[in-house]
């Protein structure tokens, strides 16, 4: 599907008394999504939890997440993500839980977690270059994770083969 047409149409019926406005969680499993579909918020405006598991997801950007204005939980585990931009949560600062475990992450923007004041848990286990878990309610582990990302993850690159590889700045 061409990028500009990468949208879904949701067809189905809710249980009696339930509307699209009552839906707070979306779960994509075992499908094939190279990126998060655009326009989900046209149908479901109150998504608080998004899970894309084992679905070959390759990329995620702040613009993909911008449509989820109430997002608190993001599970993108067991996919093919190699790059996590530092500005990913620019439009979703109320994130409480993130899970990027079992991907192929090679680069994380060093500012990824900087403005997530409500973060309770972050899982980056079993990736190519990062294997770190911040369990819920462990402020010292969160500090350790932020320091680890700052120290070990690539800063913004301007003229680098990684920039060409991912087609964008790394932070």
C-alpha atoms as a PDB file:
ATOM      1  CA  UNK A   1       0.000   0.000   0.000  1.00  0.00           C
ATOM      2  CA  UNK A   2       1.491   3.397  -0.886  1.00  0.00           C
ATOM      3  CA  UNK A   3       2.380   5.561   2.142  1.00  0.00           C
ATOM      4  CA  UNK A   4      -0.253   8.190   1.412  1.00  0.00           C
ATOM      5  CA  UNK A   5      -2.922   5.481   1.372  1.00  0.00           C
ATOM      6  CA  UNK A   6      -1.678   3.560   4.383  1.00  0.00           C
ATOM      7  CA  UNK A   7      -4.961   3.761   6.258  1.00  0.00           C
ATOM      8  CA  UNK A   8      -7.322   1.204   7.688  1.00  0.00           C
ATOM      9  CA  UNK A   9     -11.054   1.010   7.530  1.00  0.00           C
ATOM     10  CA  UNK A  10     -12.587  -0.492  10.640  1.00  0.00           C
ATOM     11  CA  UNK A  11     -15.688  -2.537   9.979  1.00  0.00           C
ATOM     12  CA  UNK A  12     -17.737  -4.302  12.612  1.00  0.00           C
ATOM     13  CA  UNK A  13     -20.269  -3.929  15.367  1.00  0.00           C
ATOM     14  CA  UNK A  14     -19.806  -3.150  19.012  1.00  0.00           C
ATOM     15  CA  UNK A  15     -21.670  -4.774  21.837  1.00  0.00           C
ATOM     16  CA  UNK A  16     -24.961  -3.094  22.650  1.00  0.00           C
ATOM     17  CA  UNK A  17     -24.430   0.352  24.136  1.00  0.00           C
ATOM     18  CA  UNK A  18     -20.747   0.592  23.092  1.00  0.00           C
ATOM     19  CA  UNK A  19     -19.533   3.177  20.571  1.00  0.00           C
ATOM     20  CA  UNK A  20     -16.197   3.973  18.945  1.00  0.00           C
ATOM     21  CA  UNK A  21     -15.714   6.611  21.640  1.00  0.00           C
ATOM     22  CA  UNK A  22     -15.647   3.841  24.276  1.00  0.00           C
ATOM     23  CA  UNK A  23     -12.674   2.084  22.662  1.00  0.00           C
ATOM     24  CA  UNK A  24      -9.480   2.845  24.610  1.00  0.00           C
ATOM     25  CA  UNK A  25      -7.180   0.058  23.428  1.00  0.00           C
ATOM     26  CA  UNK A  26      -6.064  -1.204  20.011  1.00  0.00           C
ATOM     27  CA  UNK A  27      -4.168  -4.432  19.550  1.00  0.00           C
ATOM     28  CA  UNK A  28      -2.508  -5.465  16.278  1.00  0.00           C
ATOM     29  CA  UNK A  29      -0.938  -8.928  16.521  1.00  0.00           C
ATOM     30  CA  UNK A  30       0.735 -11.217  14.063  1.00  0.00           C
ATOM     31  CA  UNK A  31       0.005  -9.049  11.049  1.00  0.00           C
ATOM     32  CA  UNK A  32       2.172  -7.157   8.596  1.00  0.00           C
ATOM     33  CA  UNK A  33       2.552  -3.421   9.270  1.00  0.00           C
ATOM     34  CA  UNK A  34       5.711  -1.651   8.166  1.00  0.00           C
ATOM     35  CA  UNK A  35       4.468   1.477   9.981  1.00  0.00           C
ATOM     36  CA  UNK A  36       1.573   2.590  12.161  1.00  0.00           C
ATOM     37  CA  UNK A  37      -1.498   3.282  10.033  1.00  0.00           C
ATOM     38  CA  UNK A  38      -2.535   6.916   9.744  1.00  0.00           C
ATOM     39  CA  UNK A  39      -6.089   8.024  10.503  1.00  0.00           C
ATOM     40  CA  UNK A  40      -6.915   5.651  13.350  1.00  0.00           C
ATOM     41  CA  UNK A  41      -8.036   8.664  15.372  1.00  0.00           C
ATOM     42  CA  UNK A  42     -10.698   9.382  12.761  1.00  0.00           C
ATOM     43  CA  UNK A  43     -12.525   6.323  14.110  1.00  0.00           C
ATOM     44  CA  UNK A  44     -11.156   5.892  17.639  1.00  0.00           C
ATOM     45  CA  UNK A  45     -10.477   9.184  19.425  1.00  0.00           C
ATOM     46  CA  UNK A  46      -9.857   7.867  22.931  1.00  0.00           C
ATOM     47  CA  UNK A  47      -7.020   5.376  22.486  1.00  0.00           C
ATOM     48  CA  UNK A  48      -4.947   5.109  25.662  1.00  0.00           C
ATOM     49  CA  UNK A  49      -3.182   1.841  24.851  1.00  0.00           C
ATOM     50  CA  UNK A  50      -1.656   0.833  21.513  1.00  0.00           C
ATOM     51  CA  UNK A  51      -0.119  -2.586  21.054  1.00  0.00           C
ATOM     52  CA  UNK A  52       1.561  -3.731  17.860  1.00  0.00           C
ATOM     53  CA  UNK A  53       3.094  -7.131  18.530  1.00  0.00           C
ATOM     54  CA  UNK A  54       4.891  -9.470  16.145  1.00  0.00           C
ATOM     55  CA  UNK A  55       3.703  -7.468  13.160  1.00  0.00           C
ATOM     56  CA  UNK A  56       6.927  -6.625  11.294  1.00  0.00           C
ATOM     57  CA  UNK A  57       6.694  -2.949  12.279  1.00  0.00           C
ATOM     58  CA  UNK A  58       9.820  -1.236  10.931  1.00  0.00           C
ATOM     59  CA  UNK A  59       9.441   2.395  11.867  1.00  0.00           C
ATOM     60  CA  UNK A  60       7.710   4.679  14.333  1.00  0.00           C
ATOM     61  CA  UNK A  61       7.795   8.489  14.446  1.00  0.00           C
ATOM     62  CA  UNK A  62       6.297  11.281  16.502  1.00  0.00           C
ATOM     63  CA  UNK A  63       3.890  11.898  13.613  1.00  0.00           C
ATOM     64  CA  UNK A  64       2.622   8.309  13.827  1.00  0.00           C
ATOM     65  CA  UNK A  65       1.861   8.816  17.518  1.00  0.00           C
ATOM     66  CA  UNK A  66       0.461  12.340  17.208  1.00  0.00           C
ATOM     67  CA  UNK A  67      -2.957  10.894  16.363  1.00  0.00           C
ATOM     68  CA  UNK A  68      -3.167   9.284  19.821  1.00  0.00           C
ATOM     69  CA  UNK A  69      -3.703  12.339  21.986  1.00  0.00           C
ATOM     70  CA  UNK A  70      -4.557  10.313  25.111  1.00  0.00           C
ATOM     71  CA  UNK A  71      -1.903   7.610  24.723  1.00  0.00           C
ATOM     72  CA  UNK A  72      -0.469   6.266  27.989  1.00  0.00           C
ATOM     73  CA  UNK A  73       0.706   2.759  27.061  1.00  0.00           C
ATOM     74  CA  UNK A  74       2.732   1.843  23.971  1.00  0.00           C
ATOM     75  CA  UNK A  75       3.732  -1.768  23.283  1.00  0.00           C
ATOM     76  CA  UNK A  76       5.743  -2.223  20.095  1.00  0.00           C
ATOM     77  CA  UNK A  77       7.463  -5.475  20.976  1.00  0.00           C
ATOM     78  CA  UNK A  78       8.691  -8.303  18.786  1.00  0.00           C
ATOM     79  CA  UNK A  79       8.882  -6.234  15.610  1.00  0.00           C
ATOM     80  CA  UNK A  80      11.605  -5.084  13.198  1.00  0.00           C
ATOM     81  CA  UNK A  81      12.257  -1.573  14.567  1.00  0.00           C
ATOM     82  CA  UNK A  82      15.912  -0.541  14.190  1.00  0.00           C
ATOM     83  CA  UNK A  83      15.695   3.151  15.054  1.00  0.00           C
ATOM     84  CA  UNK A  84      13.806   5.006  17.804  1.00  0.00           C
ATOM     85  CA  UNK A  85      13.951   8.791  17.325  1.00  0.00           C
ATOM     86  CA  UNK A  86      14.694  10.993  20.319  1.00  0.00           C
ATOM     87  CA  UNK A  87      11.622  13.127  19.638  1.00  0.00           C
ATOM     88  CA  UNK A  88       9.233  10.142  19.437  1.00  0.00           C
ATOM     89  CA  UNK A  89       7.108  11.279  22.385  1.00  0.00           C
ATOM     90  CA  UNK A  90       6.928  14.968  21.467  1.00  0.00           C
ATOM     91  CA  UNK A  91       3.132  14.819  21.068  1.00  0.00           C
ATOM     92  CA  UNK A  92       2.489  12.063  23.631  1.00  0.00           C
ATOM     93  CA  UNK A  93       4.124  13.289  26.814  1.00  0.00           C
ATOM     94  CA  UNK A  94       1.703  11.443  29.119  1.00  0.00           C
ATOM     95  CA  UNK A  95       3.179   8.050  28.257  1.00  0.00           C
ATOM     96  CA  UNK A  96       3.411   5.810  31.324  1.00  0.00           C
ATOM     97  CA  UNK A  97       4.568   2.496  29.848  1.00  0.00           C
ATOM     98  CA  UNK A  98       6.706   1.778  26.774  1.00  0.00           C
ATOM     99  CA  UNK A  99       7.805  -1.601  25.504  1.00  0.00           C
ATOM    100  CA  UNK A 100      10.294  -1.897  22.653  1.00  0.00           C
ATOM    101  CA  UNK A 101      11.524  -5.346  23.664  1.00  0.00           C
ATOM    102  CA  UNK A 102      12.557  -7.963  21.111  1.00  0.00           C
ATOM    103  CA  UNK A 103      13.086  -5.588  18.200  1.00  0.00           C
ATOM    104  CA  UNK A 104      16.259  -4.951  16.201  1.00  0.00           C
ATOM    105  CA  UNK A 105      17.079  -1.562  17.698  1.00  0.00           C
ATOM    106  CA  UNK A 106      20.499  -0.248  16.736  1.00  0.00           C
ATOM    107  CA  UNK A 107      19.989   3.443  17.479  1.00  0.00           C
ATOM    108  CA  UNK A 108      17.941   5.368  20.032  1.00  0.00           C
ATOM    109  CA  UNK A 109      17.832   9.133  20.028  1.00  0.00           C
ATOM    110  CA  UNK A 110      19.532  10.271  23.214  1.00  0.00           C
ATOM    111  CA  UNK A 111      16.619  12.485  24.298  1.00  0.00           C
ATOM    112  CA  UNK A 112      13.954   9.767  24.004  1.00  0.00           C
ATOM    113  CA  UNK A 113      12.833   9.725  27.649  1.00  0.00           C
ATOM    114  CA  UNK A 114      13.693  13.298  28.614  1.00  0.00           C
ATOM    115  CA  UNK A 115      10.174  14.752  28.844  1.00  0.00           C
ATOM    116  CA  UNK A 116       8.237  11.700  30.015  1.00  0.00           C
ATOM    117  CA  UNK A 117       7.377  12.823  33.532  1.00  0.00           C
ATOM    118  CA  UNK A 118       4.768  10.091  34.052  1.00  0.00           C
ATOM    119  CA  UNK A 119       6.884   7.151  32.892  1.00  0.00           C
ATOM    120  CA  UNK A 120       6.408   4.076  35.084  1.00  0.00           C
ATOM    121  CA  UNK A 121       8.010   1.334  33.001  1.00  0.00           C
ATOM    122  CA  UNK A 122      10.282   1.075  29.946  1.00  0.00           C
ATOM    123  CA  UNK A 123      11.331  -2.207  28.368  1.00  0.00           C
ATOM    124  CA  UNK A 124      14.151  -2.372  25.832  1.00  0.00           C
ATOM    125  CA  UNK A 125      15.238  -5.953  26.473  1.00  0.00           C
ATOM    126  CA  UNK A 126      16.536  -8.261  23.753  1.00  0.00           C
ATOM    127  CA  UNK A 127      17.473  -5.664  21.158  1.00  0.00           C
ATOM    128  CA  UNK A 128      20.612  -5.485  19.042  1.00  0.00           C
ATOM    129  CA  UNK A 129      22.407  -2.744  20.964  1.00  0.00           C
ATOM    130  CA  UNK A 130      20.302  -2.141  24.016  1.00  0.00           C
ATOM    131  CA  UNK A 131      19.077  -4.591  26.600  1.00  0.00           C
ATOM    132  CA  UNK A 132      17.600  -2.624  29.465  1.00  0.00           C
ATOM    133  CA  UNK A 133      14.452  -2.806  31.557  1.00  0.00           C
ATOM    134  CA  UNK A 134      13.124  -0.164  33.897  1.00  0.00           C
ATOM    135  CA  UNK A 135      10.566  -1.879  36.117  1.00  0.00           C
ATOM    136  CA  UNK A 136       7.529  -0.073  37.380  1.00  0.00           C
ATOM    137  CA  UNK A 137       8.027   2.171  40.405  1.00  0.00           C
ATOM    138  CA  UNK A 138      11.815   2.150  40.436  1.00  0.00           C
ATOM    139  CA  UNK A 139      13.017   5.782  40.190  1.00  0.00           C
ATOM    140  CA  UNK A 140      16.679   4.797  40.471  1.00  0.00           C
ATOM    141  CA  UNK A 141      16.318   2.391  37.528  1.00  0.00           C
ATOM    142  CA  UNK A 142      14.683   5.133  35.447  1.00  0.00           C
ATOM    143  CA  UNK A 143      17.626   7.413  36.185  1.00  0.00           C
ATOM    144  CA  UNK A 144      19.977   4.564  35.221  1.00  0.00           C
ATOM    145  CA  UNK A 145      18.074   3.995  31.963  1.00  0.00           C
ATOM    146  CA  UNK A 146      18.160   7.682  31.024  1.00  0.00           C
ATOM    147  CA  UNK A 147      21.886   7.818  31.764  1.00  0.00           C
ATOM    148  CA  UNK A 148      22.464   4.630  29.778  1.00  0.00           C
ATOM    149  CA  UNK A 149      20.645   6.069  26.765  1.00  0.00           C
ATOM    150  CA  UNK A 150      22.534   9.362  26.992  1.00  0.00           C
ATOM    151  CA  UNK A 151      25.873   7.600  27.308  1.00  0.00           C
ATOM    152  CA  UNK A 152      25.459   4.693  24.896  1.00  0.00           C
ATOM    153  CA  UNK A 153      23.003   5.836  22.270  1.00  0.00           C
ATOM    154  CA  UNK A 154      24.029   7.829  19.274  1.00  0.00           C
ATOM    155  CA  UNK A 155      23.727  11.610  19.332  1.00  0.00           C
ATOM    156  CA  UNK A 156      22.266  13.370  16.297  1.00  0.00           C
ATOM    157  CA  UNK A 157      24.233  12.614  13.167  1.00  0.00           C
ATOM    158  CA  UNK A 158      24.335  14.878  10.146  1.00  0.00           C
ATOM    159  CA  UNK A 159      26.618  13.202   7.611  1.00  0.00           C
ATOM    160  CA  UNK A 160      26.815   9.576   8.528  1.00  0.00           C
ATOM    161  CA  UNK A 161      26.055   6.273   6.881  1.00  0.00           C
ATOM    162  CA  UNK A 162      23.429   5.660   9.585  1.00  0.00           C
ATOM    163  CA  UNK A 163      21.584   8.771   8.449  1.00  0.00           C
ATOM    164  CA  UNK A 164      21.453   7.332   4.948  1.00  0.00           C
ATOM    165  CA  UNK A 165      20.471   3.939   6.295  1.00  0.00           C
ATOM    166  CA  UNK A 166      17.493   5.303   8.222  1.00  0.00           C
ATOM    167  CA  UNK A 167      16.710   8.260   5.993  1.00  0.00           C
ATOM    168  CA  UNK A 168      16.492  10.773   8.829  1.00  0.00           C
ATOM    169  CA  UNK A 169      18.310  12.385  11.692  1.00  0.00           C
ATOM    170  CA  UNK A 170      18.950  10.048  14.592  1.00  0.00           C
ATOM    171  CA  UNK A 171      17.652  12.263  17.361  1.00  0.00           C
END
